[in-house]
Protein backbone atom coordinates (compact mmCIF):
# COMPACT_ATOMS: atom_id res chain seq x y z
CA MET A 1 31.14 75.48 99.48
CA LEU A 2 28.37 76.28 97.02
CA LEU A 3 29.10 75.36 93.42
CA ILE A 4 27.18 76.98 90.59
CA PRO A 5 26.96 75.35 87.17
CA CYS A 6 28.01 77.80 84.45
CA ALA A 7 25.88 77.23 81.38
CA ILE A 8 27.33 77.56 77.89
CA ALA A 9 24.71 78.56 75.35
CA ALA A 10 25.23 76.81 72.00
CA LEU A 11 28.87 76.17 72.98
CA VAL A 12 29.74 79.83 72.35
CA LEU A 13 32.63 80.58 74.69
CA PRO A 14 32.82 83.93 76.50
CA PRO A 15 35.69 86.18 75.44
CA ALA A 16 38.91 85.81 77.36
CA PRO A 17 39.25 88.42 80.10
CA PRO A 18 41.95 91.08 79.72
CA VAL A 19 44.57 89.26 81.78
CA ASP A 20 48.23 90.27 81.62
CA ARG A 21 49.70 87.88 84.18
CA VAL A 22 48.85 84.36 85.26
CA VAL A 23 50.32 82.49 88.23
CA ILE A 24 50.13 78.70 88.20
CA VAL A 25 50.17 77.71 91.87
CA SER A 26 50.90 74.11 92.80
CA VAL A 27 50.35 73.17 96.44
CA ASP A 28 52.29 69.94 96.86
CA GLY A 29 50.23 67.21 98.52
CA LEU A 30 47.00 69.24 98.87
CA ARG A 31 44.03 66.96 99.43
CA ALA A 32 40.80 68.44 98.11
CA ASP A 33 38.86 67.66 101.27
CA ALA A 34 41.01 70.16 103.18
CA LEU A 35 39.01 72.86 101.39
CA GLU A 36 35.58 71.51 102.35
CA GLY A 37 33.26 71.95 105.29
CA SER A 38 34.21 73.84 108.42
CA SER A 39 37.91 73.82 107.52
CA LEU A 40 37.33 76.42 104.84
CA GLY A 41 36.34 79.00 107.45
CA GLN A 42 39.96 79.01 108.63
CA LEU A 43 41.29 79.43 105.10
CA PRO A 44 40.17 82.86 103.85
CA ALA A 45 42.56 83.03 100.88
CA PHE A 46 41.50 79.62 99.58
CA GLY A 47 37.91 80.72 100.16
CA ARG A 48 38.44 83.76 97.99
CA LEU A 49 40.08 81.75 95.23
CA LEU A 50 37.10 79.40 95.25
CA GLN A 51 34.95 82.37 94.16
CA GLY A 52 35.85 81.48 90.59
CA PRO A 53 35.46 78.47 88.28
CA HIS A 54 36.67 75.39 90.12
CA THR A 55 36.21 71.79 91.12
CA LEU A 56 37.29 69.94 94.23
CA ASN A 57 37.03 66.64 92.36
CA ALA A 58 39.90 66.88 89.89
CA ARG A 59 42.44 64.10 89.41
CA CYS A 60 46.18 63.66 89.30
CA ASP A 61 47.91 61.48 86.70
CA PRO A 62 46.12 58.10 86.73
CA ASP A 63 49.34 56.09 86.57
CA ILE A 64 51.47 57.84 89.16
CA SER A 65 50.72 59.99 92.22
CA VAL A 66 54.12 61.53 92.96
CA THR A 67 55.57 64.99 92.52
CA LEU A 68 57.78 65.43 89.46
CA PRO A 69 55.81 63.41 86.88
CA ASN A 70 52.63 65.26 87.84
CA HIS A 71 54.31 68.66 87.64
CA VAL A 72 55.74 67.81 84.24
CA GLY A 73 52.16 67.01 83.26
CA MET A 74 50.95 70.37 84.56
CA VAL A 75 53.26 72.37 82.30
CA THR A 76 53.14 70.11 79.22
CA GLY A 77 49.44 69.14 79.12
CA ARG A 78 50.40 65.46 78.85
CA MET A 79 50.02 62.47 81.12
CA MET A 80 53.07 60.33 81.81
CA LEU A 81 52.13 57.27 79.74
CA GLY A 82 50.62 56.73 76.31
CA PRO A 83 51.65 57.67 72.76
CA SER A 84 51.50 61.38 73.57
CA GLY A 85 52.85 61.02 77.12
CA HIS A 86 55.79 62.99 78.46
CA ALA A 87 57.36 59.71 79.71
CA TYR A 88 59.19 61.32 82.66
CA GLU A 89 58.75 59.10 85.74
CA LEU A 90 61.68 59.88 88.05
CA ASN A 91 60.94 61.73 91.29
CA THR A 92 64.46 62.56 92.41
CA LEU A 93 67.05 65.21 91.64
CA PRO A 94 67.40 65.11 87.86
CA LEU A 95 70.40 63.54 86.24
CA ALA A 96 72.70 65.62 84.08
CA PRO A 97 70.99 66.50 80.79
CA ALA A 98 73.30 64.25 78.78
CA ALA A 99 72.48 61.35 81.12
CA GLY A 100 68.71 61.67 80.74
CA GLY A 101 67.87 64.61 82.99
CA LEU A 102 65.47 66.12 80.47
CA VAL A 103 61.76 65.75 79.73
CA ARG A 104 62.37 63.81 76.50
CA PRO A 105 60.76 60.47 75.63
CA SER A 106 63.66 60.05 73.21
CA PRO A 107 66.71 62.19 72.41
CA SER A 108 65.11 63.54 69.23
CA ARG A 109 61.60 64.16 70.60
CA TYR A 110 61.19 67.58 72.15
CA ILE A 111 58.32 68.05 74.62
CA ALA A 112 57.06 71.63 74.65
CA SER A 113 55.66 73.34 77.75
CA CYS A 114 53.47 76.29 78.61
CA PHE A 115 56.73 78.20 79.10
CA ASP A 116 57.54 77.63 75.40
CA VAL A 117 54.23 79.06 74.21
CA ALA A 118 54.31 82.11 76.49
CA HIS A 119 57.97 82.92 75.90
CA ASP A 120 57.83 82.43 72.12
CA ALA A 121 54.79 84.72 71.99
CA GLY A 122 56.83 87.48 73.61
CA LEU A 123 55.78 87.14 77.25
CA SER A 124 58.12 86.86 80.20
CA THR A 125 58.26 83.65 82.22
CA ALA A 126 59.36 82.66 85.72
CA ALA A 127 59.39 79.46 87.78
CA ILE A 128 59.74 79.41 91.57
CA ALA A 129 59.97 76.03 93.31
CA SER A 130 60.60 74.89 96.87
CA LYS A 131 62.09 71.51 95.94
CA LEU A 132 65.50 71.38 94.30
CA LYS A 133 64.47 68.62 91.91
CA PHE A 134 62.51 71.22 89.95
CA THR A 135 65.84 72.11 88.36
CA LEU A 136 64.51 69.60 85.84
CA PHE A 137 62.46 72.51 84.46
CA ALA A 138 65.50 74.76 84.10
CA GLN A 139 67.48 71.99 82.41
CA THR A 140 64.74 70.95 79.98
CA TRP A 141 63.53 74.38 78.95
CA GLY A 142 66.75 76.36 79.45
CA ASP A 143 69.02 78.08 76.96
CA GLU A 144 70.91 74.93 75.97
CA TYR A 145 68.13 72.38 75.50
CA GLY A 146 65.08 74.54 74.89
CA ALA A 147 63.70 74.58 71.36
CA ALA A 148 64.22 77.34 68.84
CA ASP A 149 61.56 80.07 68.92
CA ALA A 150 58.47 78.73 67.13
CA ASP A 151 56.36 81.91 67.09
CA PRO A 152 57.44 84.67 64.71
CA ARG A 153 54.92 87.14 66.14
CA GLY A 154 57.13 87.96 69.13
CA GLY A 155 60.43 88.05 67.30
CA ASP A 156 63.18 85.58 68.08
CA ASN A 157 63.20 85.25 71.87
CA GLY A 158 65.75 82.47 72.00
CA ARG A 159 65.80 78.97 73.44
CA ASN A 160 65.58 79.83 77.14
CA LYS A 161 61.87 79.37 77.81
CA ILE A 162 62.10 80.22 81.54
CA ASP A 163 63.52 83.72 81.96
CA THR A 164 63.96 83.35 85.72
CA PHE A 165 64.21 80.09 87.69
CA THR A 166 64.32 80.43 91.51
CA PHE A 167 64.83 77.74 94.13
CA ALA A 168 63.09 79.01 97.28
CA PRO A 169 63.24 76.39 100.05
CA ASP A 170 60.67 78.01 102.35
CA MET A 171 57.20 79.36 101.62
CA PRO A 172 57.72 83.06 102.43
CA ARG A 173 60.57 83.13 99.95
CA VAL A 174 58.34 81.50 97.33
CA THR A 175 55.72 84.21 97.82
CA ASP A 176 58.32 86.98 97.82
CA ALA A 177 59.72 85.67 94.54
CA VAL A 178 56.26 85.42 92.97
CA ILE A 179 55.35 88.96 93.99
CA ASP A 180 58.69 90.23 92.71
CA ALA A 181 58.20 88.39 89.41
CA LEU A 182 54.71 89.83 88.96
CA ASP A 183 55.93 93.32 89.79
CA THR A 184 58.98 93.28 87.54
CA LEU A 185 57.89 91.14 84.59
CA ASP A 186 59.78 92.39 81.60
CA ALA A 187 61.08 91.00 78.36
CA PRO A 188 64.75 90.01 78.41
CA ASP A 189 67.08 92.57 76.87
CA THR A 190 70.59 91.27 76.28
CA PRO A 191 72.95 91.42 73.30
CA ASP A 192 71.93 87.87 72.39
CA THR A 193 68.21 88.34 72.95
CA PRO A 194 67.26 91.96 72.28
CA ASP A 195 63.94 93.13 73.59
CA THR A 196 61.61 92.88 70.61
CA ARG A 197 58.38 92.96 72.57
CA PRO A 198 57.62 96.35 74.12
CA ASP A 199 53.87 95.80 73.87
CA ASP A 200 54.11 92.68 76.00
CA ALA A 201 56.77 93.85 78.45
CA THR A 202 54.35 93.63 81.38
CA ARG A 203 52.71 90.34 80.38
CA GLY A 204 53.88 87.02 81.71
CA LEU A 205 53.47 83.56 83.13
CA VAL A 206 54.70 82.58 86.60
CA PHE A 207 54.83 79.06 88.05
CA ALA A 208 54.93 78.76 91.87
CA HIS A 209 55.38 75.61 93.96
CA TYR A 210 54.60 75.35 97.70
CA ALA A 211 55.97 72.14 99.24
CA LEU A 212 55.03 72.35 102.94
CA PRO A 213 51.84 70.21 103.03
CA ASP A 214 53.70 67.37 101.33
CA SER A 215 56.66 67.65 103.69
CA VAL A 216 54.45 67.69 106.79
CA GLY A 217 52.29 64.87 105.46
CA HIS A 218 55.30 62.63 105.03
CA THR A 219 56.32 63.36 108.63
CA THR A 220 53.03 63.34 110.56
CA GLY A 221 50.45 62.02 108.10
CA TRP A 222 47.68 63.77 106.16
CA THR A 223 45.37 64.26 109.16
CA THR A 224 42.63 66.72 108.22
CA GLU A 225 41.25 67.30 111.73
CA PRO A 226 41.58 70.88 113.05
CA ASN A 227 44.73 71.77 115.00
CA GLN A 228 46.69 68.87 113.54
CA PRO A 229 50.10 69.52 111.92
CA TRP A 230 48.97 68.82 108.37
CA MET A 231 46.02 71.23 108.52
CA ALA A 232 48.37 73.78 110.08
CA SER A 233 50.56 73.45 106.98
CA VAL A 234 47.55 74.11 104.76
CA LYS A 235 46.77 77.18 106.88
CA ALA A 236 50.38 78.33 106.37
CA VAL A 237 49.88 78.06 102.60
CA ASP A 238 46.65 80.04 102.98
CA ASP A 239 48.60 82.79 104.75
CA GLU A 240 51.04 82.97 101.83
CA LEU A 241 48.23 83.04 99.30
CA GLY A 242 46.71 85.86 101.33
CA ARG A 243 49.95 87.82 100.97
CA LEU A 244 49.89 87.20 97.23
CA LEU A 245 46.27 88.36 96.92
CA THR A 246 47.03 91.47 98.95
CA ALA A 247 49.92 92.29 96.63
CA ILE A 248 47.60 91.91 93.64
CA ASP A 249 44.90 94.05 95.28
CA THR A 250 47.25 96.90 96.16
CA ASP A 251 49.38 97.15 93.01
CA PRO A 252 47.69 99.12 90.20
CA LYS A 253 49.69 97.14 87.63
CA LEU A 254 48.29 93.86 88.96
CA ASN A 255 44.82 94.73 90.21
CA GLY A 256 42.17 93.52 87.79
CA ARG A 257 44.82 92.15 85.40
CA THR A 258 45.97 88.98 87.15
CA ALA A 259 44.73 85.38 87.27
CA ILE A 260 45.65 82.36 89.39
CA VAL A 261 45.33 78.70 88.41
CA LEU A 262 45.76 76.54 91.53
CA THR A 263 46.01 72.77 91.72
CA ALA A 264 48.04 70.00 93.36
CA ASP A 265 50.26 67.18 92.20
CA HIS A 266 48.52 64.62 94.44
CA GLY A 267 46.79 64.26 97.80
CA GLY A 268 48.02 61.92 100.48
CA GLY A 269 47.45 59.67 103.45
CA VAL A 270 47.42 56.11 102.05
CA PRO A 271 49.62 54.40 103.17
CA PHE A 272 50.21 56.53 106.25
CA GLY A 273 52.80 59.21 105.63
CA THR A 274 52.80 58.84 101.87
CA HIS A 275 50.61 58.93 98.75
CA THR A 276 51.71 56.02 96.60
CA ASP A 277 48.48 53.99 96.61
CA GLN A 278 46.99 55.01 93.28
CA ASP A 279 43.64 53.43 94.16
CA ALA A 280 43.05 55.58 97.27
CA LEU A 281 40.65 58.48 96.77
CA VAL A 282 42.53 60.75 99.19
CA ASN A 283 45.67 60.34 97.06
CA TYR A 284 44.25 60.99 93.59
CA ARG A 285 41.48 63.54 94.33
CA ILE A 286 42.77 67.11 94.13
CA PRO A 287 41.44 70.67 93.64
CA PHE A 288 41.55 72.64 90.40
CA ILE A 289 40.77 76.33 90.90
CA VAL A 290 40.75 79.27 88.49
CA TRP A 291 40.56 82.81 89.87
CA VAL A 292 40.47 85.89 87.67
CA ASP A 293 40.74 89.16 89.57
CA GLY A 294 37.59 91.23 89.13
CA THR A 295 35.39 88.43 87.75
CA GLU A 296 34.70 86.38 90.85
CA HIS A 297 31.75 84.12 89.97
CA SER A 298 31.87 80.73 91.68
CA CYS A 299 30.93 77.94 89.33
CA ASP A 300 31.45 74.24 88.70
CA LEU A 301 34.02 73.52 85.98
CA TYR A 302 32.37 70.21 85.19
CA ALA A 303 29.10 72.01 84.43
CA THR A 304 30.99 74.57 82.35
CA ASN A 305 32.53 71.77 80.32
CA SER A 306 29.60 69.38 80.12
CA GLY A 307 29.99 67.06 77.16
CA VAL A 308 33.77 67.28 77.01
CA ARG A 309 34.64 66.55 80.65
CA ALA A 310 32.90 64.18 83.05
CA ASP A 311 32.86 64.28 86.86
CA PRO A 312 34.32 60.89 87.89
CA GLY A 313 32.53 60.76 91.25
CA VAL A 314 34.79 58.76 93.56
CA ASP A 315 36.43 56.67 90.88
CA ARG A 316 39.99 56.74 89.63
CA ALA A 317 39.67 57.58 85.95
CA THR A 318 41.63 55.64 83.35
CA THR A 319 44.61 56.48 81.18
CA HIS A 320 42.76 56.05 77.90
CA GLU A 321 40.35 59.00 77.95
CA ARG A 322 39.65 60.76 74.69
CA VAL A 323 36.07 62.10 74.80
CA THR A 324 34.83 62.63 78.36
CA ALA A 325 37.77 62.83 80.73
CA PRO A 326 37.91 64.24 84.25
CA ILE A 327 39.59 67.56 84.93
CA ARG A 328 43.21 66.92 85.87
CA ASN A 329 46.16 68.88 87.17
CA THR A 330 47.47 68.27 83.64
CA ASP A 331 45.08 71.04 82.52
CA ALA A 332 46.94 73.76 84.44
CA GLY A 333 49.42 74.96 81.82
CA ASN A 334 46.89 75.24 79.02
CA ALA A 335 44.39 76.89 81.37
CA ALA A 336 46.97 79.60 82.04
CA LEU A 337 47.66 80.03 78.33
CA GLN A 338 43.93 80.29 77.62
CA LEU A 339 43.60 83.10 80.15
CA LEU A 340 46.48 84.90 78.44
CA GLY A 341 44.79 84.52 75.05
CA LEU A 342 47.43 82.10 73.75
CA GLU A 343 47.23 78.77 71.93
CA PRO A 344 47.60 75.43 73.76
CA VAL A 345 50.96 73.74 74.13
CA PRO A 346 51.85 71.96 70.86
CA GLY A 347 51.24 68.24 71.15
CA SER A 348 49.37 68.58 74.46
CA VAL A 349 46.22 66.61 75.25
CA TYR A 350 44.64 68.13 78.38
CA GLY A 351 43.37 71.59 77.58
CA GLY A 352 44.44 71.05 73.96
CA GLU A 353 42.34 70.39 70.89
CA SER A 354 41.45 66.79 71.78
CA LEU A 355 40.39 67.50 75.39
CA PRO A 356 39.60 71.23 75.65
CA LEU A 357 38.73 72.87 78.96
CA THR A 358 36.99 76.23 79.19
CA VAL A 359 38.22 78.13 82.26
CA THR A 360 37.18 81.71 81.51
CA PRO A 361 34.60 82.82 84.11
CA PRO A 362 31.10 83.83 82.98
CA ALA A 363 30.38 87.50 82.33
CA THR A 364 27.52 87.45 84.84
CA PRO A 365 26.79 85.19 87.82
CA PRO A 366 24.78 82.13 86.73
CA ALA A 367 21.77 80.72 88.53
CA VAL A 368 22.38 79.06 91.88
CA THR A 369 22.04 75.29 92.27
CA SER A 370 23.39 72.81 94.79
CA PRO A 371 26.19 70.41 93.83
CA ALA A 372 26.21 66.67 94.41
CA PRO A 373 28.65 65.94 97.26
CA VAL A 374 31.63 63.67 96.77
CA ALA A 375 30.92 60.62 98.89
CA PRO A 376 33.79 58.84 100.64
CA ARG A 377 34.80 55.45 99.31
CA ALA A 378 35.44 52.49 101.55
CA GLY A 379 39.09 51.98 102.28
CA SER A 380 40.14 55.45 101.14
């Protein structure tokens, strides 16, 4: 895959594209090397998504390489640990809210998400997940425990930051629910939350989670050779992404007005059948891909963000980054908000004011150069 550095002249950012809908796609357990070399020829949808700003050398949370904490990071812009961390470390079905089943470092400290920003601004929101433990999202940002509306520009849209939460245990149902959400995005209109946002009734944020590569990896291992079960699971995700792209291409409401931010919670393979070794490259190296329909210019996100983000090579980056950090899955929520022309999540770090990330594609294709390959590390 050819990466093209996208130059930024005098740090003047290009204007945000006219995007109405953004889908954050998380592919659970997707190793970045599955999208390299000859494998990519069998993955046409991933290949198309890679015709946008991206890196195949992003990182998961440096302190934990499991599902729920990393997904909480995606939507909050925070790592798990540290003064600004989200502090949620369980990876099981959430407890009842009163027993701690909320993303709250303390009972009085609310942690906002990308759903908060989009919903409070008057956009519609949806979350579709293929693991039941994602009910954590519905509990934390639902109508009982979500914060009061913090954005007066969209009227008072209530506490329920996720308009529609769907548990879809198989991938076709995930895709069907995403396509349905994109096609029917509308502001809620009930006696308690009257529709005050006609101008934004077709704008929205959708989160989609595909679990199959993680499930197969835990059963048969993360074997990246062709015709092995794990690569077949990645091909099955590619087929679903192809259906999603076809829906975008063929719907006049979506065509040219839709963006996708795709990443993973972790990779996998060390130890065999799991991903808990935080020092193994195959576990912590993940993709981060931004695709904006109609502006398909492949470029290297590290080059785009030179000076504020640093390519870590093969190393596991630390928790205490403040100036030059790697790109992480934690950037996903704020990347989506940026594409929608909205502010970052309040209190967030990745993609926020302290560690910004420019994800808007260049107006014209930049000059072609060759990227430095990611070399394997011994023992990984």
